[in-house]
């Protein structure tokens, strides 16, 4: 028996009772990972570059995630930081990609941003707003990320 026939045979009430538990878990876009969150505010934290949490920042192109911020060492060796929360639909899926000079990318809908936060997608893109960029300051082995 096909699904459509099966649901018809149950009747509307039973079909709703069977499918209702799935509705909450199926409310996101198909296959979307990550959470919808608000962009961080009041960002001001430090990272000890000699600590295990900063290991991925040792090489150009590496990045870490901390406090909903993507902190990266770009391909020139400079530190850049951006919101991990995409300006398109607020998913916390922005990462740094070490290709084409280095850019920030959200794999939920393919949003791409330059290191200054500007939108790299086409003009008719789903992501017209820039990505929030944070300042970085390096003093010795301590990297400060702040607004």
N, C-alpha and C. Protein backbone atom coordinates (compact mmCIF):
# COMPACT_ATOMS: atom_id res chain seq x y z
N UNK A 1 0.85 -1.18 0.00
CA UNK A 1 0.00 0.00 0.00
C UNK A 1 0.89 1.24 0.00
N UNK A 2 0.55 2.22 -0.84
CA UNK A 2 1.31 3.45 -0.91
C UNK A 2 0.97 4.35 0.27
N UNK A 3 1.90 5.27 0.59
CA UNK A 3 1.72 6.17 1.74
C UNK A 3 0.42 6.96 1.63
N UNK A 4 0.13 7.47 0.44
CA UNK A 4 -1.07 8.28 0.25
C UNK A 4 -2.33 7.47 0.55
N UNK A 5 -2.38 6.24 0.06
CA UNK A 5 -3.52 5.36 0.31
C UNK A 5 -3.61 5.03 1.80
N UNK A 6 -2.46 4.78 2.42
CA UNK A 6 -2.43 4.45 3.84
C UNK A 6 -3.00 5.60 4.67
N UNK A 7 -2.58 6.83 4.39
CA UNK A 7 -3.07 7.98 5.14
C UNK A 7 -4.56 8.20 4.91
N UNK A 8 -5.03 7.96 3.68
CA UNK A 8 -6.47 8.07 3.41
C UNK A 8 -7.24 7.05 4.23
N UNK A 9 -6.70 5.85 4.33
CA UNK A 9 -7.40 4.80 5.06
C UNK A 9 -7.47 5.10 6.56
N UNK A 10 -6.51 5.87 7.09
CA UNK A 10 -6.52 6.23 8.50
C UNK A 10 -7.58 7.28 8.82
N UNK A 11 -7.87 8.12 7.86
CA UNK A 11 -8.77 9.23 8.12
C UNK A 11 -7.96 10.43 8.57
N UNK A 12 -8.54 11.60 8.48
CA UNK A 12 -7.83 12.85 8.76
C UNK A 12 -7.32 12.92 10.20
N UNK A 13 -8.12 12.55 11.17
CA UNK A 13 -7.72 12.65 12.57
C UNK A 13 -6.54 11.76 12.90
N UNK A 14 -6.59 10.53 12.45
CA UNK A 14 -5.51 9.59 12.72
C UNK A 14 -4.24 10.00 11.97
N UNK A 15 -4.40 10.47 10.74
CA UNK A 15 -3.23 10.90 9.97
C UNK A 15 -2.54 12.07 10.66
N UNK A 16 -3.32 13.00 11.21
CA UNK A 16 -2.75 14.13 11.93
C UNK A 16 -2.02 13.64 13.17
N UNK A 17 -2.62 12.72 13.91
CA UNK A 17 -2.01 12.21 15.14
C UNK A 17 -0.68 11.50 14.85
N UNK A 18 -0.61 10.82 13.71
CA UNK A 18 0.60 10.10 13.34
C UNK A 18 1.69 11.08 12.89
N UNK A 19 1.31 12.13 12.13
CA UNK A 19 2.30 13.02 11.56
C UNK A 19 2.65 14.21 12.46
N UNK A 20 1.83 14.55 13.44
CA UNK A 20 2.06 15.74 14.26
C UNK A 20 3.43 15.72 14.95
N UNK A 21 3.87 14.60 15.55
CA UNK A 21 5.18 14.62 16.20
C UNK A 21 6.33 14.97 15.24
N UNK A 22 6.16 14.66 13.97
CA UNK A 22 7.21 14.96 13.00
C UNK A 22 7.24 16.43 12.61
N UNK A 23 6.14 17.12 12.70
CA UNK A 23 6.06 18.49 12.19
C UNK A 23 7.07 19.42 12.84
N UNK A 24 7.28 19.35 14.12
CA UNK A 24 8.24 20.21 14.80
C UNK A 24 9.65 19.97 14.31
N UNK A 25 10.01 18.73 14.13
CA UNK A 25 11.38 18.43 13.70
C UNK A 25 11.58 18.66 12.22
N UNK A 26 10.51 18.83 11.47
CA UNK A 26 10.62 19.05 10.04
C UNK A 26 10.43 20.51 9.67
N UNK A 27 10.43 21.40 10.64
CA UNK A 27 10.11 22.79 10.36
C UNK A 27 11.26 23.56 9.73
N UNK A 28 12.50 23.13 9.88
CA UNK A 28 13.64 23.81 9.24
C UNK A 28 13.68 23.46 7.77
N UNK A 29 14.49 24.21 7.02
CA UNK A 29 14.70 23.88 5.61
C UNK A 29 15.24 22.46 5.53
N UNK A 30 14.96 21.81 4.41
CA UNK A 30 15.40 20.42 4.22
C UNK A 30 16.90 20.27 4.42
N UNK A 31 17.29 19.40 5.33
CA UNK A 31 18.69 19.08 5.55
C UNK A 31 19.53 20.15 6.21
N UNK A 32 18.93 21.20 6.73
CA UNK A 32 19.69 22.29 7.32
C UNK A 32 20.20 21.89 8.70
N UNK A 33 21.49 22.04 8.87
CA UNK A 33 22.12 21.81 10.17
C UNK A 33 22.33 23.16 10.83
N UNK A 34 22.56 23.18 12.12
CA UNK A 34 22.82 24.44 12.81
C UNK A 34 21.56 24.98 13.45
N UNK A 35 21.74 26.05 14.17
CA UNK A 35 20.64 26.66 14.90
C UNK A 35 20.43 28.08 14.43
N UNK A 36 19.18 28.55 14.57
CA UNK A 36 18.88 29.94 14.32
C UNK A 36 19.10 30.68 15.63
N UNK A 37 20.00 31.65 15.62
CA UNK A 37 20.36 32.39 16.83
C UNK A 37 20.49 33.87 16.51
N UNK A 38 20.54 34.68 17.54
CA UNK A 38 20.75 36.11 17.35
C UNK A 38 22.24 36.39 17.24
N UNK A 39 22.54 37.40 16.44
CA UNK A 39 23.94 37.81 16.27
C UNK A 39 24.50 38.26 17.62
N UNK A 40 25.71 37.88 17.95
CA UNK A 40 26.28 38.27 19.24
C UNK A 40 26.49 39.78 19.34
N UNK A 41 26.29 40.30 20.53
CA UNK A 41 26.53 41.72 20.79
C UNK A 41 27.49 41.85 21.95
N UNK A 42 28.14 42.99 22.06
CA UNK A 42 29.07 43.20 23.15
C UNK A 42 30.27 42.28 23.10
N UNK A 43 30.67 41.88 21.90
CA UNK A 43 31.78 40.94 21.75
C UNK A 43 33.08 41.59 22.22
N UNK A 44 33.75 40.90 23.14
CA UNK A 44 35.05 41.34 23.64
C UNK A 44 35.65 40.17 24.42
N UNK A 45 36.53 39.42 23.78
CA UNK A 45 37.17 38.28 24.43
C UNK A 45 38.59 38.13 23.91
N UNK A 46 39.37 37.31 24.61
CA UNK A 46 40.75 37.07 24.19
C UNK A 46 40.96 35.58 23.95
N UNK A 47 41.98 35.30 23.16
CA UNK A 47 42.38 33.93 22.87
C UNK A 47 43.89 33.86 23.06
N UNK A 48 44.32 32.94 23.89
CA UNK A 48 45.75 32.69 24.05
C UNK A 48 46.18 31.80 22.89
N UNK A 49 46.98 32.33 21.99
CA UNK A 49 47.36 31.60 20.79
C UNK A 49 48.24 30.39 21.06
N UNK A 50 48.74 30.26 22.30
CA UNK A 50 49.52 29.08 22.65
C UNK A 50 48.65 27.98 23.27
N UNK A 51 47.37 28.26 23.45
CA UNK A 51 46.46 27.29 24.08
C UNK A 51 45.95 26.27 23.05
N UNK A 52 45.50 25.10 23.55
CA UNK A 52 44.95 24.08 22.65
C UNK A 52 43.75 24.59 21.84
N UNK A 53 42.92 25.47 22.42
CA UNK A 53 41.75 25.97 21.68
C UNK A 53 42.15 26.75 20.44
N UNK A 54 43.36 27.29 20.41
CA UNK A 54 43.82 28.12 19.29
C UNK A 54 44.67 27.35 18.29
N UNK A 55 44.79 26.06 18.45
CA UNK A 55 45.67 25.26 17.60
C UNK A 55 45.39 25.46 16.11
N UNK A 56 44.14 25.58 15.72
CA UNK A 56 43.80 25.73 14.30
C UNK A 56 44.17 27.11 13.75
N UNK A 57 44.54 28.04 14.62
CA UNK A 57 44.95 29.37 14.17
C UNK A 57 46.46 29.45 13.89
N UNK A 58 47.16 28.35 14.11
CA UNK A 58 48.61 28.34 13.90
C UNK A 58 48.98 28.45 12.43
N UNK A 59 48.10 27.99 11.54
CA UNK A 59 48.39 27.99 10.11
C UNK A 59 47.48 28.98 9.38
N UNK A 60 48.00 29.62 8.35
CA UNK A 60 47.18 30.48 7.51
C UNK A 60 46.02 29.68 6.93
N UNK A 61 44.83 30.25 6.98
CA UNK A 61 43.63 29.58 6.49
C UNK A 61 42.87 28.85 7.58
N UNK A 62 43.46 28.71 8.77
CA UNK A 62 42.78 28.03 9.87
C UNK A 62 41.80 28.94 10.57
N UNK A 63 40.83 28.34 11.24
CA UNK A 63 39.85 29.13 12.00
C UNK A 63 39.35 28.36 13.20
N UNK A 64 38.79 29.10 14.15
CA UNK A 64 38.11 28.50 15.30
C UNK A 64 36.79 29.23 15.49
N UNK A 65 35.90 28.61 16.26
CA UNK A 65 34.62 29.21 16.62
C UNK A 65 34.62 29.47 18.11
N UNK A 66 34.27 30.69 18.50
CA UNK A 66 34.21 31.02 19.91
C UNK A 66 33.17 32.12 20.11
N UNK A 67 32.26 31.91 21.04
CA UNK A 67 31.25 32.92 21.40
C UNK A 67 30.46 33.40 20.18
N UNK A 68 30.11 32.48 19.29
CA UNK A 68 29.39 32.78 18.05
C UNK A 68 30.16 33.70 17.11
N UNK A 69 31.49 33.63 17.19
CA UNK A 69 32.37 34.39 16.31
C UNK A 69 33.32 33.41 15.62
N UNK A 70 33.54 33.63 14.32
CA UNK A 70 34.53 32.87 13.56
C UNK A 70 35.81 33.69 13.61
N UNK A 71 36.85 33.13 14.20
CA UNK A 71 38.15 33.80 14.26
C UNK A 71 39.07 33.02 13.32
N UNK A 72 39.65 33.72 12.35
CA UNK A 72 40.47 33.04 11.34
C UNK A 72 41.81 33.73 11.18
N UNK A 73 42.78 32.95 10.73
CA UNK A 73 44.05 33.51 10.27
C UNK A 73 43.96 33.43 8.75
N UNK A 74 43.85 34.59 8.12
CA UNK A 74 43.64 34.59 6.68
C UNK A 74 44.89 34.10 5.95
N UNK A 75 44.82 34.07 4.63
CA UNK A 75 45.91 33.49 3.86
C UNK A 75 47.17 34.33 3.87
N UNK A 76 47.06 35.59 4.29
CA UNK A 76 48.23 36.46 4.43
C UNK A 76 48.81 36.39 5.84
N UNK A 77 48.15 35.64 6.74
CA UNK A 77 48.64 35.50 8.11
C UNK A 77 48.05 36.49 9.09
N UNK A 78 47.12 37.32 8.64
CA UNK A 78 46.45 38.28 9.53
C UNK A 78 45.22 37.65 10.17
N UNK A 79 44.87 38.11 11.36
CA UNK A 79 43.68 37.60 12.03
C UNK A 79 42.47 38.42 11.63
N UNK A 80 41.39 37.73 11.32
CA UNK A 80 40.11 38.35 10.98
C UNK A 80 39.03 37.65 11.79
N UNK A 81 37.96 38.37 12.09
CA UNK A 81 36.88 37.78 12.88
C UNK A 81 35.54 38.28 12.36
N UNK A 82 34.56 37.38 12.31
CA UNK A 82 33.23 37.70 11.82
C UNK A 82 32.19 36.96 12.63
N UNK A 83 30.98 37.44 12.56
CA UNK A 83 29.88 36.74 13.23
C UNK A 83 29.73 35.35 12.63
N UNK A 84 29.51 34.39 13.48
CA UNK A 84 29.23 33.02 13.04
C UNK A 84 27.78 32.93 12.56
N UNK A 85 26.99 33.98 12.83
CA UNK A 85 25.56 34.01 12.50
C UNK A 85 25.38 34.70 11.14
N UNK A 86 24.88 33.97 10.18
CA UNK A 86 24.70 34.48 8.83
C UNK A 86 23.64 35.57 8.79
N UNK A 87 23.90 36.61 8.02
CA UNK A 87 22.96 37.72 7.91
C UNK A 87 21.74 37.36 7.06
N UNK A 88 21.74 36.22 6.40
CA UNK A 88 20.61 35.83 5.57
C UNK A 88 19.43 35.36 6.41
N UNK A 89 19.63 34.30 7.20
CA UNK A 89 18.53 33.78 8.01
C UNK A 89 18.96 33.42 9.42
N UNK A 90 20.05 33.95 9.86
CA UNK A 90 20.52 33.83 11.25
C UNK A 90 20.90 32.42 11.69
N UNK A 91 21.32 31.58 10.75
CA UNK A 91 21.86 30.28 11.14
C UNK A 91 23.31 30.48 11.60
N UNK A 92 23.73 29.70 12.59
CA UNK A 92 25.09 29.82 13.13
C UNK A 92 26.07 28.92 12.38
N UNK A 93 26.08 29.03 11.08
CA UNK A 93 26.88 28.12 10.25
C UNK A 93 27.98 28.80 9.43
N UNK A 94 28.33 30.04 9.73
CA UNK A 94 29.38 30.72 8.97
C UNK A 94 30.74 30.16 9.37
N UNK A 95 31.56 29.88 8.38
CA UNK A 95 32.91 29.36 8.57
C UNK A 95 33.86 30.12 7.64
N UNK A 96 35.17 29.96 7.85
CA UNK A 96 36.16 30.58 6.97
C UNK A 96 36.63 29.54 5.97
N UNK A 97 36.72 29.92 4.70
CA UNK A 97 37.17 29.03 3.64
C UNK A 97 38.50 29.57 3.10
N UNK A 98 39.50 28.72 3.07
CA UNK A 98 40.84 29.15 2.65
C UNK A 98 41.06 28.95 1.15
N UNK A 99 40.13 29.43 0.35
CA UNK A 99 40.23 29.38 -1.11
C UNK A 99 39.97 30.78 -1.66
N UNK A 100 40.39 31.02 -2.89
CA UNK A 100 40.11 32.29 -3.58
C UNK A 100 40.48 33.51 -2.72
N UNK A 101 41.58 33.45 -2.02
CA UNK A 101 42.01 34.56 -1.18
C UNK A 101 41.46 34.51 0.23
N UNK A 102 40.51 33.63 0.49
CA UNK A 102 39.89 33.47 1.81
C UNK A 102 38.60 34.27 1.92
N UNK A 103 37.53 33.60 2.35
CA UNK A 103 36.25 34.26 2.52
C UNK A 103 35.44 33.53 3.59
N UNK A 104 34.40 34.20 4.06
CA UNK A 104 33.48 33.59 5.02
C UNK A 104 32.31 32.99 4.23
N UNK A 105 31.85 31.81 4.68
CA UNK A 105 30.85 31.06 3.92
C UNK A 105 29.83 30.43 4.87
N UNK A 106 28.57 30.54 4.51
CA UNK A 106 27.50 29.84 5.24
C UNK A 106 26.94 28.78 4.32
N UNK A 107 27.07 27.52 4.70
CA UNK A 107 26.64 26.43 3.83
C UNK A 107 25.14 26.17 3.86
N UNK A 108 24.39 26.89 4.68
CA UNK A 108 22.94 26.68 4.72
C UNK A 108 22.32 27.06 3.38
N UNK A 109 22.64 28.23 2.86
CA UNK A 109 22.08 28.67 1.59
C UNK A 109 23.17 29.17 0.63
N UNK A 110 24.44 28.92 0.95
CA UNK A 110 25.52 29.28 0.05
C UNK A 110 25.95 30.73 0.11
N UNK A 111 25.67 31.41 1.20
CA UNK A 111 26.06 32.82 1.33
C UNK A 111 27.57 32.94 1.48
N UNK A 112 28.17 33.86 0.72
CA UNK A 112 29.62 34.09 0.74
C UNK A 112 29.88 35.55 1.06
N UNK A 113 30.89 35.78 1.91
CA UNK A 113 31.22 37.14 2.34
C UNK A 113 32.72 37.36 2.27
N UNK A 114 33.11 38.56 1.83
CA UNK A 114 34.51 38.95 1.82
C UNK A 114 34.98 39.14 3.26
N UNK A 115 36.28 39.27 3.43
CA UNK A 115 36.83 39.45 4.78
C UNK A 115 36.41 40.76 5.42
N UNK A 116 35.92 41.71 4.63
CA UNK A 116 35.38 42.95 5.19
C UNK A 116 33.88 42.84 5.47
N UNK A 117 33.30 41.66 5.25
CA UNK A 117 31.89 41.41 5.52
C UNK A 117 30.97 41.64 4.35
N UNK A 118 31.47 42.22 3.26
CA UNK A 118 30.59 42.50 2.12
C UNK A 118 30.14 41.20 1.46
N UNK A 119 28.95 41.26 0.88
CA UNK A 119 28.34 40.11 0.25
C UNK A 119 29.03 39.80 -1.08
N UNK A 120 29.47 38.57 -1.27
CA UNK A 120 30.13 38.16 -2.51
C UNK A 120 29.17 37.48 -3.48
N UNK A 121 27.93 37.23 -3.05
CA UNK A 121 26.96 36.60 -3.94
C UNK A 121 26.47 37.61 -4.97
N UNK A 122 25.74 37.14 -5.93
CA UNK A 122 25.21 38.01 -6.98
C UNK A 122 24.31 39.09 -6.40
N UNK A 123 24.09 40.14 -7.16
CA UNK A 123 23.26 41.26 -6.72
C UNK A 123 21.86 40.80 -6.35
N UNK A 124 21.32 39.84 -7.06
CA UNK A 124 19.97 39.35 -6.76
C UNK A 124 19.98 38.25 -5.70
N UNK A 125 21.04 38.19 -4.94
CA UNK A 125 21.24 37.17 -3.92
C UNK A 125 20.21 37.22 -2.81
N UNK A 126 20.11 36.11 -2.09
CA UNK A 126 19.25 36.03 -0.91
C UNK A 126 19.89 36.73 0.28
N UNK A 127 21.13 37.14 0.16
CA UNK A 127 21.88 37.69 1.29
C UNK A 127 22.35 39.10 1.00
N UNK A 128 21.46 40.07 1.01
CA UNK A 128 21.90 41.43 0.67
C UNK A 128 22.66 42.13 1.79
N UNK A 129 22.45 41.75 3.04
CA UNK A 129 23.10 42.42 4.16
C UNK A 129 24.52 41.90 4.36
N UNK A 130 25.44 42.78 4.76
CA UNK A 130 26.81 42.33 5.03
C UNK A 130 26.88 41.49 6.31
N UNK A 131 27.96 40.77 6.44
CA UNK A 131 28.23 39.97 7.63
C UNK A 131 28.92 40.87 8.65
N UNK A 132 28.56 40.73 9.90
CA UNK A 132 29.17 41.54 10.97
C UNK A 132 30.63 41.12 11.13
N UNK A 133 31.52 42.13 11.10
CA UNK A 133 32.96 41.91 11.27
C UNK A 133 33.39 42.53 12.59
N UNK A 134 34.30 41.85 13.28
CA UNK A 134 34.81 42.33 14.56
C UNK A 134 36.28 42.71 14.40
N UNK A 135 36.73 43.57 15.27
CA UNK A 135 38.13 43.99 15.25
C UNK A 135 38.99 42.94 15.96
N UNK A 136 40.25 42.89 15.59
CA UNK A 136 41.21 42.02 16.27
C UNK A 136 42.45 42.83 16.61
N UNK A 137 43.08 42.49 17.72
CA UNK A 137 44.33 43.13 18.13
C UNK A 137 45.22 42.06 18.76
N UNK A 138 46.44 42.00 18.30
CA UNK A 138 47.38 41.00 18.79
C UNK A 138 48.43 41.67 19.66
N UNK A 139 48.58 41.16 20.88
CA UNK A 139 49.62 41.64 21.79
C UNK A 139 50.33 40.41 22.34
N UNK A 140 51.54 40.19 21.84
CA UNK A 140 52.27 38.98 22.22
C UNK A 140 51.55 37.77 21.67
N UNK A 141 51.17 36.83 22.55
CA UNK A 141 50.43 35.63 22.16
C UNK A 141 48.94 35.75 22.45
N UNK A 142 48.48 36.92 22.82
CA UNK A 142 47.07 37.11 23.16
C UNK A 142 46.37 37.89 22.05
N UNK A 143 45.36 37.25 21.46
CA UNK A 143 44.55 37.88 20.42
C UNK A 143 43.24 38.35 21.05
N UNK A 144 42.97 39.62 20.91
CA UNK A 144 41.71 40.19 21.40
C UNK A 144 40.76 40.35 20.23
N UNK A 145 39.51 39.91 20.43
CA UNK A 145 38.45 40.07 19.44
C UNK A 145 37.38 40.94 20.09
N UNK A 146 37.02 42.04 19.43
CA UNK A 146 36.10 42.98 20.07
C UNK A 146 35.35 43.80 19.02
N UNK A 147 34.31 44.49 19.52
CA UNK A 147 33.53 45.40 18.66
C UNK A 147 34.15 46.77 18.68
